[in-house]
């Protein structure tokens, strides 16, 4: 077995046992990245010297007999909207140029403390706005399973890199499904935790009330180990929750006997590809065979989730992105006449079309005369959506749905029809509106050999429950072990 076929936890165990050094693992990852990057474009920035130095530091600690965590020395990567001190963080946008933050995100700090080895920064949709990773200033990411198809978005670089074996785990951000949907398209496991469970300090904001960071890896166990390292209160983020850090990995028993799992009938109706429906229902049968009780129920609020999400997300994006004006940092247009002209030219030339579309929509719904009709009403519907999910969790321990209506579309298809792209988020955006944890896990393949993902949803702070059910599923299936054909094997 090649090293890149190991899970993050398996590699970490080998590093601690001395079977492989952290430096050897980092070099192997860098070599694989160099071979695959021209094909999938998963990375924006590669940090070869940085990664080898971090790996050597971990190796010295191990040699000195220090007790390190289960992921110490395991090479990983971060989405390019997560701040890294002294390392370019561009959000895949021209307007940020070569911006290098003078500080680390809290998540970055915590991963470094756990012994992570940072390989580089991952490609993404510009400012995390998109579902295909095609809106990047640095060019589209390609799906390792089929280079003619998208990897999903906006954390497409993260999912593609893990699927291709370029890193053992990655961290992305999820505003409306941006961890879970690309994980489904690329056949890997990705989790969005409860809103506030992971500090957002140092995450460049898209929609502050919806954004959350989380892991993408091979298995639910790998995701649990990453969350153990990064969850918890942060005094620099007033929305972070005082949740206990650690214990998720140790709690993976795989026992789901008696657990009640609800299947929202409104997530299995019109618009869902029959192959996706069959694979997700088969996943329900696997959990049922392990002793879970699976029932169908109605969740009619699904009709309202997409318009509610895009009104709120665009409004917050309009506000958050007003700081990018060419004055304090990032790219600046030339040939301007005055300050207003500088703002206009910099933002016109620096933002891509999808970002401009969402800024315009957000500015419109926040404007005088439209605020009450759109934004205020969207906030009211958001409260109703949260209430509907709270009621569902009064009956069920978990919910199971598809992640996306179809498998990965072809490159260019979604950009030609933005509304269709927005509708593809229907199963993922409710969790961001309600602040709930959700996990995407591989559960099959369509007739073209493209991965299908199933989504497990838990109540607020129900990460342990979600991860344990996913772990149980992965004990009885091997979809998470499947890999796309590697370049050098063709």
Protein backbone atom coordinates (compact mmCIF):
# COMPACT_ATOMS: atom_id res chain seq x y z
CA UNK A 1 0.00 0.00 0.00
CA UNK A 2 1.25 3.47 -0.92
CA UNK A 3 1.49 6.03 1.88
CA UNK A 4 -1.12 8.22 0.24
CA UNK A 5 -3.65 5.38 0.53
CA UNK A 6 -3.47 5.51 4.34
CA UNK A 7 -5.94 7.50 6.38
CA UNK A 8 -4.61 10.46 8.37
CA UNK A 9 -4.83 8.46 11.60
CA UNK A 10 -3.06 5.48 10.08
CA UNK A 11 -0.20 7.67 8.89
CA UNK A 12 -0.01 9.40 12.26
CA UNK A 13 0.28 6.03 13.98
CA UNK A 14 3.14 5.00 11.68
CA UNK A 15 4.94 8.29 12.34
CA UNK A 16 4.66 7.84 16.12
CA UNK A 17 5.80 4.22 15.81
CA UNK A 18 8.87 5.26 13.85
CA UNK A 19 7.88 3.29 10.74
CA UNK A 20 8.03 6.48 8.68
CA UNK A 21 9.38 9.91 9.57
CA UNK A 22 7.33 13.09 9.37
CA UNK A 23 9.91 14.48 6.94
CA UNK A 24 9.55 11.46 4.64
CA UNK A 25 5.76 11.83 4.69
CA UNK A 26 5.97 15.54 3.88
CA UNK A 27 8.38 14.94 1.01
CA UNK A 28 6.16 12.19 -0.40
CA UNK A 29 3.18 14.54 -0.31
CA UNK A 30 5.14 17.34 -1.98
CA UNK A 31 6.28 14.97 -4.75
CA UNK A 32 2.72 13.83 -5.35
CA UNK A 33 1.47 17.42 -5.38
CA UNK A 34 4.07 18.33 -8.01
CA UNK A 35 2.90 15.43 -10.19
CA UNK A 36 -0.84 16.09 -9.88
CA UNK A 37 -1.11 19.88 -9.58
CA UNK A 38 -0.94 20.51 -13.35
CA UNK A 39 -3.97 18.26 -13.80
CA UNK A 40 -6.30 19.19 -10.95
CA UNK A 41 -5.14 22.73 -9.94
CA UNK A 42 -6.03 22.02 -6.30
CA UNK A 43 -3.42 24.35 -4.78
CA UNK A 44 -2.87 28.10 -5.08
CA UNK A 45 0.28 28.18 -2.92
CA UNK A 46 2.73 25.35 -2.21
CA UNK A 47 4.94 25.61 0.90
CA UNK A 48 7.69 23.04 0.36
CA UNK A 49 10.37 24.54 2.62
CA UNK A 50 7.80 25.47 5.27
CA UNK A 51 6.32 21.96 5.30
CA UNK A 52 9.69 20.23 5.58
CA UNK A 53 10.72 22.55 8.43
CA UNK A 54 7.50 21.84 10.33
CA UNK A 55 7.91 18.11 9.73
CA UNK A 56 11.50 18.20 11.03
CA UNK A 57 10.33 20.05 14.16
CA UNK A 58 7.71 17.36 14.82
CA UNK A 59 10.27 14.62 14.28
CA UNK A 60 12.62 16.21 16.84
CA UNK A 61 9.81 16.31 19.41
CA UNK A 62 9.08 12.63 18.81
CA UNK A 63 12.76 11.78 19.11
CA UNK A 64 12.84 13.63 22.43
CA UNK A 65 10.02 11.45 23.70
CA UNK A 66 7.27 14.08 23.71
CA UNK A 67 3.69 12.82 23.74
CA UNK A 68 2.02 14.18 20.61
CA UNK A 69 -1.52 13.93 19.27
CA UNK A 70 -2.79 11.38 16.75
CA UNK A 71 -2.28 13.72 13.76
CA UNK A 72 1.21 14.98 14.65
CA UNK A 73 3.44 15.03 11.57
CA UNK A 74 0.58 14.28 9.16
CA UNK A 75 0.75 16.60 6.10
CA UNK A 76 -2.38 18.70 5.54
CA UNK A 77 -3.55 21.83 3.73
CA UNK A 78 -5.83 24.82 4.33
CA UNK A 79 -8.39 26.52 2.13
CA UNK A 80 -7.06 29.86 0.93
CA UNK A 81 -9.53 31.93 2.98
CA UNK A 82 -8.00 30.81 6.30
CA UNK A 83 -5.33 33.21 7.53
CA UNK A 84 -1.76 31.98 7.81
CA UNK A 85 0.91 34.29 9.21
CA UNK A 86 3.38 35.30 6.52
CA UNK A 87 1.76 33.07 3.87
CA UNK A 88 -0.29 34.40 0.97
CA UNK A 89 -4.03 34.22 1.66
CA UNK A 90 -5.94 35.35 -1.43
CA UNK A 91 -9.48 33.91 -1.23
CA UNK A 92 -8.77 32.98 -4.89
CA UNK A 93 -9.43 36.62 -5.81
CA UNK A 94 -7.46 39.16 -7.80
CA UNK A 95 -8.45 41.90 -5.37
CA UNK A 96 -6.43 40.39 -2.50
CA UNK A 97 -3.37 39.89 -4.70
CA UNK A 98 -0.40 38.67 -2.64
CA UNK A 99 -1.91 39.63 0.74
CA UNK A 100 0.02 37.93 3.55
CA UNK A 101 -1.70 38.11 6.95
CA UNK A 102 0.40 39.19 9.95
CA UNK A 103 -1.41 36.65 12.13
CA UNK A 104 -2.74 33.09 12.16
CA UNK A 105 -6.37 32.09 12.37
CA UNK A 106 -7.20 30.45 15.69
CA UNK A 107 -7.77 27.20 13.81
CA UNK A 108 -4.30 27.48 12.24
CA UNK A 109 -2.75 28.05 15.68
CA UNK A 110 -4.51 25.04 17.15
CA UNK A 111 -3.51 22.74 14.31
CA UNK A 112 0.11 23.85 14.63
CA UNK A 113 -0.04 23.12 18.36
CA UNK A 114 -1.29 19.63 17.46
CA UNK A 115 1.76 19.06 15.24
CA UNK A 116 0.25 19.66 11.81
CA UNK A 117 2.48 19.99 8.74
CA UNK A 118 1.10 22.63 6.36
CA UNK A 119 1.72 21.78 2.70
CA UNK A 120 0.01 24.81 1.17
CA UNK A 121 -3.14 26.81 0.53
CA UNK A 122 -5.97 25.32 -1.48
CA UNK A 123 -7.86 26.64 -4.50
CA UNK A 124 -11.52 27.58 -4.09
CA UNK A 125 -14.37 29.61 -5.50
CA UNK A 126 -13.56 33.32 -5.22
CA UNK A 127 -14.41 34.49 -1.69
CA UNK A 128 -16.13 31.10 -1.23
CA UNK A 129 -18.94 32.17 -3.58
CA UNK A 130 -19.80 29.24 -5.79
CA UNK A 131 -20.59 25.55 -5.87
CA UNK A 132 -18.07 24.36 -8.45
CA UNK A 133 -14.63 25.93 -7.72
CA UNK A 134 -14.70 27.48 -11.18
CA UNK A 135 -14.85 31.13 -10.09
CA UNK A 136 -11.24 31.21 -8.84
CA UNK A 137 -8.93 33.89 -10.25
CA UNK A 138 -6.34 31.09 -10.50
CA UNK A 139 -8.47 28.88 -12.73
CA UNK A 140 -10.90 26.05 -12.03
CA UNK A 141 -10.18 23.01 -9.88
CA UNK A 142 -10.82 19.69 -11.63
CA UNK A 143 -12.40 16.59 -10.14
CA UNK A 144 -9.84 13.76 -9.73
CA UNK A 145 -12.50 11.22 -10.71
CA UNK A 146 -13.08 12.95 -14.06
CA UNK A 147 -11.03 16.04 -15.04
CA UNK A 148 -13.89 17.17 -17.27
CA UNK A 149 -16.11 17.64 -14.21
CA UNK A 150 -16.14 20.05 -11.28
CA UNK A 151 -15.01 19.00 -7.78
CA UNK A 152 -17.80 20.99 -6.16
CA UNK A 153 -17.34 24.15 -4.18
CA UNK A 154 -16.41 26.32 -2.69
CA UNK A 155 -13.88 24.05 -0.92
CA UNK A 156 -13.21 22.17 -4.17
CA UNK A 157 -9.44 22.36 -3.87
CA UNK A 158 -9.61 20.78 -0.41
CA UNK A 159 -11.83 17.89 -1.52
CA UNK A 160 -9.85 17.30 -4.72
CA UNK A 161 -6.51 17.29 -2.88
CA UNK A 162 -7.70 14.75 -0.31
CA UNK A 163 -9.35 12.56 -2.97
CA UNK A 164 -6.18 12.58 -5.11
CA UNK A 165 -3.94 11.74 -2.13
CA UNK A 166 -2.05 15.04 -2.20
CA UNK A 167 -2.67 15.53 1.52
CA UNK A 168 -4.14 13.35 4.24
CA UNK A 169 -6.67 15.90 5.41
CA UNK A 170 -7.66 19.48 4.73
CA UNK A 171 -9.72 22.20 6.35
CA UNK A 172 -12.33 24.09 4.37
CA UNK A 173 -15.11 26.54 5.15
CA UNK A 174 -18.84 25.94 4.78
CA UNK A 175 -21.35 28.78 4.31
CA UNK A 176 -24.08 26.81 2.54
CA UNK A 177 -22.56 23.38 1.90
CA UNK A 178 -19.03 24.24 0.80
CA UNK A 179 -17.42 21.40 2.75
CA UNK A 180 -20.11 18.77 2.31
CA UNK A 181 -20.98 19.18 -1.37
CA UNK A 182 -17.39 18.95 -2.74
CA UNK A 183 -16.76 16.04 -0.38
CA UNK A 184 -19.72 14.25 -2.00
CA UNK A 185 -18.55 15.05 -5.53
CA UNK A 186 -15.00 13.85 -4.78
CA UNK A 187 -15.83 10.75 -2.73
CA UNK A 188 -14.36 11.86 0.61
CA UNK A 189 -15.74 12.61 4.08
CA UNK A 190 -16.34 16.22 5.15
CA UNK A 191 -17.98 17.77 8.19
CA UNK A 192 -19.46 21.16 9.01
CA UNK A 193 -19.65 21.47 12.80
CA UNK A 194 -22.24 23.37 14.82
CA UNK A 195 -22.06 27.13 14.27
CA UNK A 196 -19.65 28.48 16.89
CA UNK A 197 -18.03 25.15 17.75
CA UNK A 198 -14.91 26.21 15.82
CA UNK A 199 -13.65 29.78 16.13
CA UNK A 200 -14.06 31.92 13.00
CA UNK A 201 -11.21 34.25 14.01
CA UNK A 202 -8.93 34.46 10.99
CA UNK A 203 -11.48 33.12 8.50
CA UNK A 204 -12.01 35.78 5.83
CA UNK A 205 -15.76 36.26 6.02
CA UNK A 206 -18.34 35.61 3.34
CA UNK A 207 -21.53 35.53 5.47
CA UNK A 208 -20.64 35.83 9.13
CA UNK A 209 -23.81 34.27 10.58
CA UNK A 210 -23.44 31.20 8.35
CA UNK A 211 -19.68 30.57 7.93
CA UNK A 212 -18.04 27.66 9.73
CA UNK A 213 -14.76 25.78 9.23
CA UNK A 214 -14.41 22.02 9.30
CA UNK A 215 -12.36 19.02 8.13
CA UNK A 216 -12.28 17.08 4.87
CA UNK A 217 -10.59 13.70 5.12
CA UNK A 218 -10.90 10.03 4.22
CA UNK A 219 -12.97 8.90 7.16
CA UNK A 220 -15.25 10.06 9.94
CA UNK A 221 -12.53 9.06 12.41
CA UNK A 222 -10.04 11.40 10.71
CA UNK A 223 -12.61 14.21 10.88
CA UNK A 224 -13.16 13.52 14.58
CA UNK A 225 -9.43 13.79 15.26
CA UNK A 226 -9.21 17.15 13.47
CA UNK A 227 -12.23 18.53 15.33
CA UNK A 228 -10.76 17.35 18.64
CA UNK A 229 -7.79 19.63 17.90
CA UNK A 230 -9.66 22.77 16.82
CA UNK A 231 -13.01 22.98 18.64
CA UNK A 232 -13.54 25.18 21.68
CA UNK A 233 -14.05 28.70 22.97
CA UNK A 234 -11.92 31.54 21.62
CA UNK A 235 -11.91 34.94 23.36
CA UNK A 236 -11.25 36.58 19.96
CA UNK A 237 -14.53 35.28 18.50
CA UNK A 238 -17.61 36.35 20.39
CA UNK A 239 -19.75 33.80 18.56
CA UNK A 240 -17.56 30.83 19.55
CA UNK A 241 -19.08 28.35 21.98
CA UNK A 242 -17.60 27.06 25.21
CA UNK A 243 -17.67 23.43 24.12
CA UNK A 244 -15.36 20.76 25.45
CA UNK A 245 -12.45 20.06 23.11
CA UNK A 246 -11.41 16.45 22.63
CA UNK A 247 -13.27 13.21 23.09
CA UNK A 248 -14.88 12.88 19.66
CA UNK A 249 -12.36 10.33 18.36
CA UNK A 250 -12.42 8.33 21.58
CA UNK A 251 -16.22 8.23 21.45
CA UNK A 252 -16.45 6.43 18.10
CA UNK A 253 -18.01 3.11 19.11
CA UNK A 254 -19.98 2.43 15.94
CA UNK A 255 -22.97 1.47 18.07
CA UNK A 256 -26.20 2.88 16.59
CA UNK A 257 -28.62 0.38 18.09
CA UNK A 258 -31.92 2.08 18.90
CA UNK A 259 -30.94 5.35 17.25
CA UNK A 260 -33.88 6.97 15.42
CA UNK A 261 -32.98 8.34 12.01
CA UNK A 262 -35.44 10.46 10.05
CA UNK A 263 -35.62 10.60 6.26
CA UNK A 264 -37.22 13.92 5.21
CA UNK A 265 -39.57 12.98 2.37
CA UNK A 266 -39.19 16.50 0.95
CA UNK A 267 -35.51 15.72 0.27
CA UNK A 268 -36.26 12.66 -1.84
CA UNK A 269 -38.79 14.03 -4.31
CA UNK A 270 -38.67 15.83 -7.65
CA UNK A 271 -35.28 16.96 -8.88
CA UNK A 272 -33.29 14.21 -7.19
CA UNK A 273 -31.36 11.91 -9.52
CA UNK A 274 -32.67 8.32 -9.17
CA UNK A 275 -29.15 6.92 -8.71
CA UNK A 276 -28.48 9.36 -5.88
CA UNK A 277 -31.80 8.51 -4.24
CA UNK A 278 -31.07 4.78 -4.42
CA UNK A 279 -27.57 5.16 -2.96
CA UNK A 280 -28.74 7.30 -0.03
CA UNK A 281 -31.62 4.95 0.77
CA UNK A 282 -29.16 2.05 0.62
CA UNK A 283 -27.06 3.90 3.20
CA UNK A 284 -30.14 4.08 5.41
CA UNK A 285 -30.49 0.31 5.07
CA UNK A 286 -26.89 -0.19 6.25
CA UNK A 287 -27.59 1.81 9.40
CA UNK A 288 -30.88 -0.03 9.86
CA UNK A 289 -29.02 -3.35 9.67
CA UNK A 290 -26.79 -2.12 12.51
CA UNK A 291 -29.84 -1.57 14.71
CA UNK A 292 -30.99 1.96 13.90
CA UNK A 293 -34.68 2.77 13.41
CA UNK A 294 -35.26 4.59 10.11
CA UNK A 295 -38.49 6.46 9.39
CA UNK A 296 -39.76 8.85 6.75
CA UNK A 297 -41.30 12.17 7.78
CA UNK A 298 -42.36 15.50 6.26
CA UNK A 299 -40.17 18.62 6.34
CA UNK A 300 -42.10 21.15 4.21
CA UNK A 301 -39.77 24.09 5.03
CA UNK A 302 -37.39 22.74 2.37
CA UNK A 303 -39.37 24.76 -0.16
CA UNK A 304 -38.04 28.01 1.33
CA UNK A 305 -34.42 27.23 2.19
CA UNK A 306 -32.67 28.29 -1.04
CA UNK A 307 -34.22 31.79 -1.43
CA UNK A 308 -33.83 32.42 2.31
CA UNK A 309 -30.19 31.42 2.23
CA UNK A 310 -29.21 33.46 -0.81
CA UNK A 311 -30.89 36.62 0.48
CA UNK A 312 -29.13 36.41 3.85
CA UNK A 313 -25.78 35.29 2.45
CA UNK A 314 -25.72 37.97 -0.25
CA UNK A 315 -26.69 40.68 2.23
CA UNK A 316 -23.88 39.74 4.60
CA UNK A 317 -21.43 39.40 1.70
CA UNK A 318 -22.30 42.91 0.53
CA UNK A 319 -21.37 44.22 3.97
CA UNK A 320 -18.29 42.03 4.55
CA UNK A 321 -16.72 42.68 1.15
CA UNK A 322 -17.01 46.45 1.42
CA UNK A 323 -13.61 46.40 3.17
CA UNK A 324 -11.85 45.39 -0.05
CA UNK A 325 -11.29 48.75 -1.72
CA UNK A 326 -7.61 48.91 -2.71
CA UNK A 327 -6.64 51.27 0.12
CA UNK A 328 -5.28 49.21 3.02
CA UNK A 329 -4.15 45.92 1.42
CA UNK A 330 -4.47 43.80 -1.69
CA UNK A 331 -4.61 44.79 -5.32
CA UNK A 332 -5.15 48.42 -6.39
CA UNK A 333 -6.30 49.68 -9.80
CA UNK A 334 -4.24 52.29 -11.64
CA UNK A 335 -5.24 55.52 -13.37
CA UNK A 336 -7.91 56.67 -10.92
CA UNK A 337 -8.91 60.32 -10.52
CA UNK A 338 -10.11 60.45 -6.90
CA UNK A 339 -11.02 58.20 -3.98
CA UNK A 340 -14.44 57.26 -5.35
CA UNK A 341 -12.87 56.41 -8.70
CA UNK A 342 -10.23 54.29 -6.93
CA UNK A 343 -12.95 52.31 -5.16
CA UNK A 344 -14.94 51.87 -8.36
CA UNK A 345 -12.06 50.75 -10.57
CA UNK A 346 -10.44 48.52 -7.97
CA UNK A 347 -13.66 46.67 -7.18
CA UNK A 348 -14.74 46.49 -10.82
CA UNK A 349 -11.41 45.03 -11.94
CA UNK A 350 -10.64 43.06 -8.77
CA UNK A 351 -13.85 41.08 -8.23
CA UNK A 352 -15.06 38.30 -10.50
CA UNK A 353 -18.57 38.13 -11.96
CA UNK A 354 -20.09 35.79 -9.35
CA UNK A 355 -18.83 37.93 -6.47
CA UNK A 356 -20.20 41.07 -8.15
CA UNK A 357 -23.56 39.35 -8.67
CA UNK A 358 -23.87 38.53 -4.97
CA UNK A 359 -22.70 41.97 -3.84
CA UNK A 360 -25.33 43.58 -6.08
CA UNK A 361 -28.05 41.25 -4.81
CA UNK A 362 -27.05 41.86 -1.21
CA UNK A 363 -26.93 45.63 -1.63
CA UNK A 364 -30.38 45.54 -3.21
CA UNK A 365 -32.05 43.53 -0.42
CA UNK A 366 -30.51 45.83 2.22
CA UNK A 367 -31.52 49.05 0.48
CA UNK A 368 -34.21 51.43 1.67
CA UNK A 369 -37.63 50.24 0.57
CA UNK A 370 -36.54 46.61 0.14
CA UNK A 371 -35.03 45.74 3.53
CA UNK A 372 -38.35 44.76 5.12
CA UNK A 373 -39.66 43.00 2.01
CA UNK A 374 -36.57 40.80 1.54
CA UNK A 375 -33.90 40.77 4.24
CA UNK A 376 -36.17 41.08 7.28
CA UNK A 377 -38.56 38.49 5.89
CA UNK A 378 -35.65 36.13 5.16
CA UNK A 379 -34.55 36.39 8.79
CA UNK A 380 -38.08 35.51 9.89
CA UNK A 381 -38.16 32.47 7.61
CA UNK A 382 -34.70 31.47 8.88
CA UNK A 383 -36.19 31.31 12.39
CA UNK A 384 -39.03 29.10 11.09
CA UNK A 385 -36.51 26.77 9.41
CA UNK A 386 -34.55 26.43 12.64
CA UNK A 387 -37.78 25.72 14.54
CA UNK A 388 -38.74 23.00 12.04
CA UNK A 389 -35.39 21.25 12.51
CA UNK A 390 -35.61 21.60 16.30
CA UNK A 391 -39.02 19.92 16.16
CA UNK A 392 -37.62 17.13 13.99
CA UNK A 393 -34.90 16.50 16.56
CA UNK A 394 -37.59 16.20 19.20
CA UNK A 395 -38.44 12.90 17.50
CA UNK A 396 -35.24 11.80 15.75
CA UNK A 397 -31.61 11.49 16.84
CA UNK A 398 -30.29 12.15 13.33
CA UNK A 399 -31.56 12.99 9.87
CA UNK A 400 -30.29 11.42 6.63
CA UNK A 401 -30.53 13.18 3.26
CA UNK A 402 -28.69 13.43 -0.04
CA UNK A 403 -25.89 16.00 -0.20
CA UNK A 404 -26.64 17.18 -3.73
CA UNK A 405 -29.37 16.38 -6.28
CA UNK A 406 -26.86 14.93 -8.79
CA UNK A 407 -23.27 13.83 -9.05
CA UNK A 408 -20.59 16.26 -10.25
CA UNK A 409 -21.64 18.29 -13.34
CA UNK A 410 -19.33 19.02 -16.23
CA UNK A 411 -17.05 22.03 -16.17
CA UNK A 412 -18.87 25.10 -17.48
CA UNK A 413 -22.42 23.76 -17.10
CA UNK A 414 -23.17 25.49 -13.79
CA UNK A 415 -21.60 28.85 -14.65
CA UNK A 416 -23.86 29.13 -17.68
CA UNK A 417 -26.92 28.83 -15.42
CA UNK A 418 -26.27 30.42 -11.98
CA UNK A 419 -29.83 29.76 -10.77
CA UNK A 420 -29.40 26.05 -11.40
CA UNK A 421 -26.15 26.19 -9.42
CA UNK A 422 -27.93 27.89 -6.51
CA UNK A 423 -30.68 25.25 -6.49
CA UNK A 424 -28.04 22.51 -6.19
CA UNK A 425 -27.50 23.67 -2.59
CA UNK A 426 -31.02 22.76 -1.48
CA UNK A 427 -30.02 19.90 0.85
CA UNK A 428 -27.03 21.61 2.46
CA UNK A 429 -28.04 25.24 3.13
CA UNK A 430 -30.67 24.47 5.83
CA UNK A 431 -27.92 23.38 8.22
CA UNK A 432 -26.15 26.73 7.93
CA UNK A 433 -29.41 28.60 8.45
CA UNK A 434 -30.16 26.51 11.55
CA UNK A 435 -26.54 26.31 12.79
CA UNK A 436 -26.53 22.49 12.83
CA UNK A 437 -23.70 19.96 12.33
CA UNK A 438 -23.70 17.90 9.15
CA UNK A 439 -21.41 15.34 7.55
CA UNK A 440 -21.06 14.12 3.99
CA UNK A 441 -19.91 10.52 3.56
CA UNK A 442 -19.35 8.49 0.37
CA UNK A 443 -22.22 6.05 -0.13
CA UNK A 444 -21.94 4.83 -3.73
CA UNK A 445 -21.24 5.63 -7.37
CA UNK A 446 -23.41 6.42 -10.36
CA UNK A 447 -23.28 4.62 -13.71
CA UNK A 448 -20.42 6.89 -14.83
CA UNK A 449 -18.34 5.94 -11.81
CA UNK A 450 -18.80 9.32 -10.09
CA UNK A 451 -19.07 9.41 -6.27
CA UNK A 452 -22.37 9.91 -4.44
CA UNK A 453 -22.57 11.38 -0.93
CA UNK A 454 -25.10 10.94 1.88
CA UNK A 455 -25.58 13.65 4.51
CA UNK A 456 -26.01 12.93 8.21
CA UNK A 457 -27.49 15.84 10.19
CA UNK A 458 -27.46 16.20 13.97
CA UNK A 459 -28.93 18.59 16.53
CA UNK A 460 -26.85 21.53 17.74
CA UNK A 461 -23.63 20.26 19.36
CA UNK A 462 -24.50 16.75 18.17
CA UNK A 463 -21.10 16.22 16.50
CA UNK A 464 -20.41 13.05 18.49
CA UNK A 465 -23.70 11.49 17.37
CA UNK A 466 -23.16 12.39 13.71
CA UNK A 467 -19.56 11.16 13.65
CA UNK A 468 -20.43 7.90 15.40
CA UNK A 469 -23.20 7.09 12.89
CA UNK A 470 -20.86 7.86 9.98
CA UNK A 471 -18.17 5.72 11.60
CA UNK A 472 -20.68 2.88 11.94
CA UNK A 473 -21.57 3.18 8.25
CA UNK A 474 -17.91 3.14 7.25
CA UNK A 475 -17.29 -0.01 9.28
CA UNK A 476 -19.68 -1.91 7.00
CA UNK A 477 -18.88 -0.25 3.65
CA UNK A 478 -15.78 0.49 1.61
CA UNK A 479 -16.85 3.51 -0.45
CA UNK A 480 -14.52 5.75 1.56
CA UNK A 481 -11.56 3.55 0.59
CA UNK A 482 -12.08 3.97 -3.17
CA UNK A 483 -9.70 6.32 -4.98
CA UNK A 484 -9.69 7.92 -8.42
CA UNK A 485 -7.16 6.59 -10.88
CA UNK A 486 -3.90 8.38 -10.15
CA UNK A 487 -2.00 10.17 -12.91
CA UNK A 488 1.04 7.96 -12.68
CA UNK A 489 -1.12 4.81 -12.86
CA UNK A 490 -2.80 5.72 -16.15
